Amino acid sequence: MTARRYVDVFESYNRFMEGNKVSEKEWDYDIIPTIASKMKKRYELDFGSTIIPEDQDLVDRLFVAGVDMLITAGIYNINTGTSMPITEDEVYEGLKMAPKKLNLGKGKDSVECSPRRGNSINKPIIEGGPTGAPVSEDIYAIVIESYAQEPVVDTIVSGVLESVKGHPAVKNTPWEIRATLAELNYVHNALYEAGRPGMAI
């Protein structure tokens, strides 16, 4: 099948609704490891003692193996418990549509996020913050501000409030919603106090 365009959110939804029923456990512990093992053999992938491969031929094979794995396995949706098929043409159409750079934040606090290749002279984007870790309400804003005031930090990754107004932020309850709103308020206030209100979150 030739891709006429990239797969948008509506097409993805339809495919997930019609996709193969797969449990998350089967996906994580059977399907993905089995296919990954096959790809490793098929493309002769061996990093040896090198954590990040520098050999260009190995890098190229790793990319092709990744594409092959994606079209072989498809994409899994935890919420629907189904996998969505995708073709090689659709993968490459999606890559064509991907933005070449992103502007994160606004004003003097904005940073440009663009692709970096090996030994790039451009510095990477540095994200600071508790990155989804639980943080108590009494120190939440202080923690965020401590990251934001560091000049090397470009963007903020917020943590998760353990409680809000003394109530546990229990998942799938109104308190989870209130906690999320409180997190945003704490983060924006912390960025303002650090003198960097335009930082991306």
Protein backbone atom coordinates (compact mmCIF):
# COMPACT_ATOMS: atom_id res chain seq x y z
CA MET A 1 0.00 0.00 0.00
CA THR A 2 1.42 3.39 -0.99
CA ALA A 3 1.01 6.16 1.53
CA ARG A 4 -0.76 9.20 0.12
CA ARG A 5 -0.11 11.10 3.34
CA TYR A 6 1.10 10.64 6.87
CA VAL A 7 -1.15 8.88 9.38
CA ASP A 8 -3.03 11.57 11.30
CA VAL A 9 -4.73 11.28 14.70
CA PHE A 10 -8.11 10.34 13.16
CA GLU A 11 -6.66 7.55 11.05
CA SER A 12 -4.70 6.36 14.08
CA TYR A 13 -7.85 6.25 16.17
CA ASN A 14 -9.69 4.18 13.56
CA ARG A 15 -6.82 1.74 13.26
CA PHE A 16 -6.50 1.32 17.00
CA MET A 17 -10.23 0.64 17.29
CA GLU A 18 -9.96 -2.02 14.57
CA GLY A 19 -6.52 -3.30 15.63
CA ASN A 20 -5.44 -6.64 17.04
CA LYS A 21 -6.29 -7.18 20.69
CA VAL A 22 -3.07 -7.60 22.67
CA SER A 23 -2.49 -7.44 26.41
CA GLU A 24 0.13 -5.02 27.67
CA LYS A 25 2.00 -7.89 29.30
CA GLU A 26 2.14 -9.84 26.03
CA TRP A 27 3.30 -6.74 24.18
CA ASP A 28 6.05 -5.87 26.67
CA TYR A 29 7.32 -9.34 27.51
CA ASP A 30 6.73 -11.36 24.34
CA ILE A 31 6.09 -9.39 21.14
CA ILE A 32 8.65 -6.58 21.53
CA PRO A 33 11.57 -8.69 22.90
CA THR A 34 11.00 -11.39 20.25
CA ILE A 35 10.95 -8.93 17.34
CA ALA A 36 13.90 -6.98 18.76
CA SER A 37 15.94 -10.18 18.95
CA LYS A 38 15.12 -10.98 15.32
CA MET A 39 16.12 -7.48 14.21
CA LYS A 40 19.41 -7.72 16.07
CA LYS A 41 20.28 -10.86 14.14
CA ARG A 42 18.86 -9.70 10.80
CA TYR A 43 20.86 -6.47 10.79
CA GLU A 44 23.91 -7.80 12.67
CA LEU A 45 23.66 -5.24 15.43
CA ASP A 46 26.41 -5.47 18.02
CA PHE A 47 27.56 -2.43 19.98
CA GLY A 48 30.32 -4.30 21.77
CA SER A 49 31.54 -2.16 24.67
CA THR A 50 30.43 1.07 22.96
CA ILE A 51 27.33 2.61 24.52
CA ILE A 52 26.74 5.08 21.68
CA PRO A 53 27.74 3.69 18.26
CA GLU A 54 30.05 5.89 16.18
CA ASP A 55 30.46 3.55 13.21
CA GLN A 56 28.26 5.06 10.47
CA ASP A 57 27.44 1.70 8.90
CA LEU A 58 26.20 0.42 12.26
CA VAL A 59 24.22 3.62 12.79
CA ASP A 60 22.56 3.21 9.38
CA ARG A 61 21.71 -0.44 10.07
CA LEU A 62 20.32 0.51 13.46
CA PHE A 63 17.97 3.04 11.86
CA VAL A 64 16.75 0.59 9.21
CA ALA A 65 16.27 -2.05 11.92
CA GLY A 66 14.18 0.44 13.89
CA VAL A 67 11.92 1.13 10.91
CA ASP A 68 11.63 -2.59 10.21
CA MET A 69 10.71 -3.26 13.83
CA LEU A 70 8.08 -0.52 13.77
CA ILE A 71 6.33 -1.86 10.67
CA THR A 72 6.65 -5.47 11.90
CA ALA A 73 5.27 -4.82 15.39
CA GLY A 74 3.05 -1.85 14.74
CA ILE A 75 2.20 0.67 17.46
CA TYR A 76 0.58 -0.31 20.76
CA ASN A 77 -2.16 1.65 22.51
CA ILE A 78 -2.44 0.89 26.24
CA ASN A 79 -5.90 2.46 26.50
CA THR A 80 -7.51 0.37 23.74
CA GLY A 81 -5.35 -2.71 24.29
CA THR A 82 -4.77 -2.97 20.54
CA SER A 83 -1.89 -2.62 18.11
CA MET A 84 -2.05 -0.42 15.02
CA PRO A 85 -0.42 -1.56 11.77
CA ILE A 86 1.70 0.92 9.83
CA THR A 87 3.51 0.63 6.51
CA GLU A 88 7.06 1.62 5.62
CA ASP A 89 5.78 4.33 3.27
CA GLU A 90 3.67 5.79 6.07
CA VAL A 91 6.66 5.87 8.41
CA TYR A 92 8.72 7.84 5.90
CA GLU A 93 5.79 10.14 5.09
CA GLY A 94 5.53 10.85 8.80
CA LEU A 95 9.25 11.63 8.98
CA LYS A 96 8.88 14.09 6.09
CA MET A 97 6.13 15.87 8.01
CA ALA A 98 8.13 16.05 11.24
CA PRO A 99 9.27 19.59 12.09
CA LYS A 100 12.97 20.32 11.53
CA LYS A 101 13.14 22.40 14.70
CA LEU A 102 10.99 23.48 17.63
CA ASN A 103 10.89 26.76 19.50
CA LEU A 104 10.28 26.04 23.18
CA GLY A 105 9.13 28.75 25.55
CA LYS A 106 8.68 32.40 24.72
CA GLY A 107 10.47 35.73 24.78
CA LYS A 108 13.94 35.90 26.27
CA ASP A 109 13.45 32.46 27.83
CA SER A 110 12.76 30.64 24.55
CA VAL A 111 15.20 28.09 23.14
CA GLU A 112 15.45 26.43 19.75
CA CYS A 113 15.46 22.65 19.72
CA SER A 114 17.00 21.28 16.53
CA PRO A 115 18.60 17.96 15.51
CA ARG A 116 22.18 17.35 16.67
CA ARG A 117 24.65 15.01 15.04
CA GLY A 118 27.75 13.41 16.51
CA ASN A 119 30.25 15.87 18.03
CA SER A 120 27.90 18.77 17.36
CA ILE A 121 29.13 22.25 18.32
CA ASN A 122 25.55 23.18 19.26
CA LYS A 123 24.75 22.57 22.90
CA PRO A 124 21.87 20.22 23.72
CA ILE A 125 18.65 21.41 25.33
CA ILE A 126 18.92 20.90 29.08
CA GLU A 127 15.68 20.00 30.86
CA GLY A 128 15.60 20.42 34.61
CA GLY A 129 13.11 19.28 37.19
CA PRO A 130 11.88 16.27 39.14
CA THR A 131 10.63 14.68 35.89
CA GLY A 132 7.39 13.11 37.04
CA ALA A 133 8.69 12.12 40.47
CA PRO A 134 6.41 12.64 43.48
CA VAL A 135 7.08 15.90 45.34
CA SER A 136 5.43 17.04 48.58
CA GLU A 137 3.26 20.14 48.41
CA ASP A 138 5.29 22.16 50.92
CA ILE A 139 8.45 22.15 48.78
CA TYR A 140 7.03 21.83 45.26
CA ALA A 141 7.48 25.47 44.19
CA ILE A 142 10.90 25.68 45.85
CA VAL A 143 12.13 22.61 43.97
CA ILE A 144 10.97 23.98 40.61
CA GLU A 145 12.49 27.40 41.32
CA SER A 146 15.82 25.81 42.25
CA TYR A 147 16.03 24.31 38.75
CA ALA A 148 14.76 27.41 36.95
CA GLN A 149 17.36 29.69 38.53
CA GLU A 150 20.21 27.62 37.07
CA PRO A 151 21.37 29.35 33.84
CA VAL A 152 22.33 26.02 32.21
CA VAL A 153 18.71 24.76 32.45
CA ASP A 154 16.65 25.57 29.34
CA THR A 155 13.25 24.02 30.07
CA ILE A 156 11.36 22.66 33.08
CA VAL A 157 10.00 19.15 33.55
CA SER A 158 7.60 19.28 36.46
CA GLY A 159 7.06 16.72 39.19
CA VAL A 160 3.84 15.20 40.54
CA LEU A 161 2.15 16.60 43.62
CA GLU A 162 1.70 13.96 46.29
CA SER A 163 -1.20 15.89 47.76
CA VAL A 164 -3.17 19.10 47.31
CA LYS A 165 -4.66 21.06 50.21
CA GLY A 166 -3.70 18.11 52.39
CA HIS A 167 -5.70 15.62 50.31
CA PRO A 168 -3.91 12.77 48.48
CA ALA A 169 -3.90 13.34 44.70
CA VAL A 170 -5.61 10.03 43.99
CA LYS A 171 -5.71 9.00 40.34
CA ASN A 172 -9.05 9.19 38.50
CA THR A 173 -10.62 11.41 41.17
CA PRO A 174 -11.44 15.15 41.27
CA TRP A 175 -8.36 15.60 43.46
CA GLU A 176 -6.14 14.52 40.57
CA ILE A 177 -7.57 17.36 38.47
CA ARG A 178 -7.10 19.85 41.28
CA ALA A 179 -3.54 18.66 41.81
CA THR A 180 -2.74 19.14 38.13
CA LEU A 181 -4.06 22.70 38.21
CA ALA A 182 -2.09 23.35 41.39
CA GLU A 183 1.08 21.98 39.76
CA LEU A 184 0.73 24.41 36.86
CA ASN A 185 0.15 27.29 39.26
CA TYR A 186 3.19 26.36 41.36
CA VAL A 187 5.39 26.00 38.28
CA HIS A 188 4.37 29.34 36.73
CA ASN A 189 4.87 31.14 40.03
CA ALA A 190 8.26 29.48 40.51
CA LEU A 191 9.41 30.52 37.03
CA TYR A 192 8.27 34.07 37.73
CA GLU A 193 10.18 34.13 41.03
CA ALA A 194 13.29 32.82 39.25
CA GLY A 195 13.02 35.64 36.73
CA ARG A 196 12.36 33.27 33.82
CA PRO A 197 8.57 33.34 33.27
CA GLY A 198 8.82 32.34 29.61
CA MET A 199 10.57 29.00 30.15
CA ALA A 200 8.97 26.04 28.39
CA ILE A 201 7.33 23.48 30.65
